[in-house]
Amino acid sequence: MIRNLIRFLILIAVVAFVRYLIGMITRAVSGAIKGEAETAETAETAESTGARQSKDQGELLRDPVCGVYVAEQTSIKKAIGGETVHFCSTACRDKYPVS
């Protein structure tokens, strides 16, 4: 009787451990798949908006005239009303209405 009880407790511990391992493997695979999907989605978004992101160029900001995303360091800047507005080109900068 005691042997059967010990076997049952060991069986419960083994099942719990196997479920734990399966859960960890499932989360790892799910995270890898989700990470790949997010990377592909980010690339699609960047291609569709014409945005390119580089660690060297800093944050991407949207040009208020044409809507193109431009890196903060490479943008054409103009101070308007105490704020800095970022443009993709001098043509967009010149088209921007100053109020």
C-alpha atoms as a PDB file:
ATOM      1  CA  MET A   1       0.000   0.000   0.000  1.00  0.00           C
ATOM      2  CA  ILE A   2       2.765   2.459   0.927  1.00  0.00           C
ATOM      3  CA  ARG A   3       4.723   1.512  -2.206  1.00  0.00           C
ATOM      4  CA  ASN A   4       1.735   2.342  -4.366  1.00  0.00           C
ATOM      5  CA  LEU A   5       1.323   5.685  -2.606  1.00  0.00           C
ATOM      6  CA  ILE A   6       5.014   6.531  -3.170  1.00  0.00           C
ATOM      7  CA  ARG A   7       4.758   5.502  -6.839  1.00  0.00           C
ATOM      8  CA  PHE A   8       1.668   7.684  -7.217  1.00  0.00           C
ATOM      9  CA  LEU A   9       3.441  10.702  -5.673  1.00  0.00           C
ATOM     10  CA  ILE A  10       6.466  10.156  -7.923  1.00  0.00           C
ATOM     11  CA  LEU A  11       4.156   9.891 -10.943  1.00  0.00           C
ATOM     12  CA  ILE A  12       2.503  13.204 -10.004  1.00  0.00           C
ATOM     13  CA  ALA A  13       5.935  14.874  -9.651  1.00  0.00           C
ATOM     14  CA  VAL A  14       7.087  13.519 -13.031  1.00  0.00           C
ATOM     15  CA  VAL A  15       3.897  14.662 -14.767  1.00  0.00           C
ATOM     16  CA  ALA A  16       4.226  18.136 -13.209  1.00  0.00           C
ATOM     17  CA  PHE A  17       7.863  18.375 -14.343  1.00  0.00           C
ATOM     18  CA  VAL A  18       7.020  17.258 -17.893  1.00  0.00           C
ATOM     19  CA  ARG A  19       4.192  19.821 -18.076  1.00  0.00           C
ATOM     20  CA  TYR A  20       6.602  22.500 -16.887  1.00  0.00           C
ATOM     21  CA  LEU A  21       9.129  21.562 -19.596  1.00  0.00           C
ATOM     22  CA  ILE A  22       6.460  21.524 -22.301  1.00  0.00           C
ATOM     23  CA  GLY A  23       5.239  24.946 -21.160  1.00  0.00           C
ATOM     24  CA  MET A  24       8.746  26.401 -21.318  1.00  0.00           C
ATOM     25  CA  ILE A  25       9.353  24.961 -24.790  1.00  0.00           C
ATOM     26  CA  THR A  26       5.982  26.258 -25.993  1.00  0.00           C
ATOM     27  CA  ARG A  27       6.705  29.775 -24.691  1.00  0.00           C
ATOM     28  CA  ALA A  28      10.167  29.770 -26.280  1.00  0.00           C
ATOM     29  CA  VAL A  29       8.848  28.681 -29.680  1.00  0.00           C
ATOM     30  CA  SER A  30       5.919  31.089 -29.451  1.00  0.00           C
ATOM     31  CA  GLY A  31       8.246  33.958 -28.564  1.00  0.00           C
ATOM     32  CA  ALA A  32      10.555  33.128 -31.464  1.00  0.00           C
ATOM     33  CA  ILE A  33       7.654  32.991 -33.919  1.00  0.00           C
ATOM     34  CA  LYS A  34       6.161  36.210 -32.528  1.00  0.00           C
ATOM     35  CA  GLY A  35       9.559  37.930 -32.728  1.00  0.00           C
ATOM     36  CA  GLU A  36       9.938  36.925 -36.383  1.00  0.00           C
ATOM     37  CA  ALA A  37       6.413  38.150 -37.128  1.00  0.00           C
ATOM     38  CA  GLU A  38       7.078  41.510 -35.433  1.00  0.00           C
ATOM     39  CA  THR A  39      10.334  41.886 -37.345  1.00  0.00           C
ATOM     40  CA  ALA A  40       8.591  41.177 -40.659  1.00  0.00           C
ATOM     41  CA  GLU A  41       5.740  43.550 -39.753  1.00  0.00           C
ATOM     42  CA  THR A  42       8.191  46.324 -38.849  1.00  0.00           C
ATOM     43  CA  ALA A  43      10.019  45.838 -42.151  1.00  0.00           C
ATOM     44  CA  GLU A  44       6.740  45.982 -44.100  1.00  0.00           C
ATOM     45  CA  THR A  45       5.702  49.156 -42.301  1.00  0.00           C
ATOM     46  CA  ALA A  46       9.076  50.760 -42.955  1.00  0.00           C
ATOM     47  CA  GLU A  47       8.906  49.852 -46.644  1.00  0.00           C
ATOM     48  CA  SER A  48       5.352  51.100 -47.077  1.00  0.00           C
ATOM     49  CA  THR A  49       6.076  54.459 -45.429  1.00  0.00           C
ATOM     50  CA  GLY A  50       9.508  54.861 -46.939  1.00  0.00           C
ATOM     51  CA  ALA A  51      11.038  54.847 -43.466  1.00  0.00           C
ATOM     52  CA  ARG A  52      14.406  53.360 -42.737  1.00  0.00           C
ATOM     53  CA  GLN A  53      15.653  52.941 -39.208  1.00  0.00           C
ATOM     54  CA  SER A  54      19.280  52.970 -38.230  1.00  0.00           C
ATOM     55  CA  LYS A  55      20.780  52.907 -34.770  1.00  0.00           C
ATOM     56  CA  ASP A  56      23.287  55.548 -35.850  1.00  0.00           C
ATOM     57  CA  GLN A  57      20.669  58.023 -37.061  1.00  0.00           C
ATOM     58  CA  GLY A  58      18.415  58.108 -34.002  1.00  0.00           C
ATOM     59  CA  GLU A  59      14.657  58.449 -33.781  1.00  0.00           C
ATOM     60  CA  LEU A  60      12.454  58.570 -36.880  1.00  0.00           C
ATOM     61  CA  LEU A  61      10.252  61.641 -37.144  1.00  0.00           C
ATOM     62  CA  ARG A  62       7.440  62.310 -39.590  1.00  0.00           C
ATOM     63  CA  ASP A  63       7.730  65.105 -42.117  1.00  0.00           C
ATOM     64  CA  PRO A  64       4.561  67.228 -41.667  1.00  0.00           C
ATOM     65  CA  VAL A  65       4.361  68.085 -45.390  1.00  0.00           C
ATOM     66  CA  CYS A  66       4.737  64.767 -47.230  1.00  0.00           C
ATOM     67  CA  GLY A  67       4.449  62.281 -44.340  1.00  0.00           C
ATOM     68  CA  VAL A  68       7.769  60.538 -44.957  1.00  0.00           C
ATOM     69  CA  TYR A  69       9.660  59.383 -41.879  1.00  0.00           C
ATOM     70  CA  VAL A  70      13.126  60.848 -41.602  1.00  0.00           C
ATOM     71  CA  ALA A  71      15.925  60.230 -39.086  1.00  0.00           C
ATOM     72  CA  GLU A  72      16.316  63.038 -36.585  1.00  0.00           C
ATOM     73  CA  GLN A  73      20.029  63.501 -37.277  1.00  0.00           C
ATOM     74  CA  THR A  74      19.678  63.644 -41.066  1.00  0.00           C
ATOM     75  CA  SER A  75      16.504  65.740 -41.204  1.00  0.00           C
ATOM     76  CA  ILE A  76      16.256  69.337 -42.378  1.00  0.00           C
ATOM     77  CA  LYS A  77      15.338  71.286 -39.246  1.00  0.00           C
ATOM     78  CA  LYS A  78      13.416  74.517 -38.897  1.00  0.00           C
ATOM     79  CA  ALA A  79      12.508  76.321 -35.676  1.00  0.00           C
ATOM     80  CA  ILE A  80       8.884  77.453 -35.786  1.00  0.00           C
ATOM     81  CA  GLY A  81       7.219  79.024 -32.766  1.00  0.00           C
ATOM     82  CA  GLY A  82       9.840  77.708 -30.365  1.00  0.00           C
ATOM     83  CA  GLU A  83       9.508  74.144 -31.689  1.00  0.00           C
ATOM     84  CA  THR A  84      11.852  72.295 -34.000  1.00  0.00           C
ATOM     85  CA  VAL A  85      10.095  70.806 -37.021  1.00  0.00           C
ATOM     86  CA  HIS A  86      11.873  68.077 -39.025  1.00  0.00           C
ATOM     87  CA  PHE A  87      11.602  67.794 -42.821  1.00  0.00           C
ATOM     88  CA  CYS A  88      12.856  65.247 -45.353  1.00  0.00           C
ATOM     89  CA  SER A  89      14.025  67.883 -47.842  1.00  0.00           C
ATOM     90  CA  THR A  90      14.400  71.604 -48.367  1.00  0.00           C
ATOM     91  CA  ALA A  91      11.446  71.487 -50.796  1.00  0.00           C
ATOM     92  CA  CYS A  92       9.161  70.204 -48.020  1.00  0.00           C
ATOM     93  CA  ARG A  93      10.613  72.759 -45.604  1.00  0.00           C
ATOM     94  CA  ASP A  94       9.812  75.563 -48.057  1.00  0.00           C
ATOM     95  CA  LYS A  95       6.237  74.268 -48.638  1.00  0.00           C
ATOM     96  CA  TYR A  96       5.445  74.149 -44.902  1.00  0.00           C
ATOM     97  CA  PRO A  97       2.968  76.897 -44.015  1.00  0.00           C
ATOM     98  CA  VAL A  98       4.275  79.214 -41.306  1.00  0.00           C
ATOM     99  CA  SER A  99       1.524  80.648 -39.151  1.00  0.00           C
END
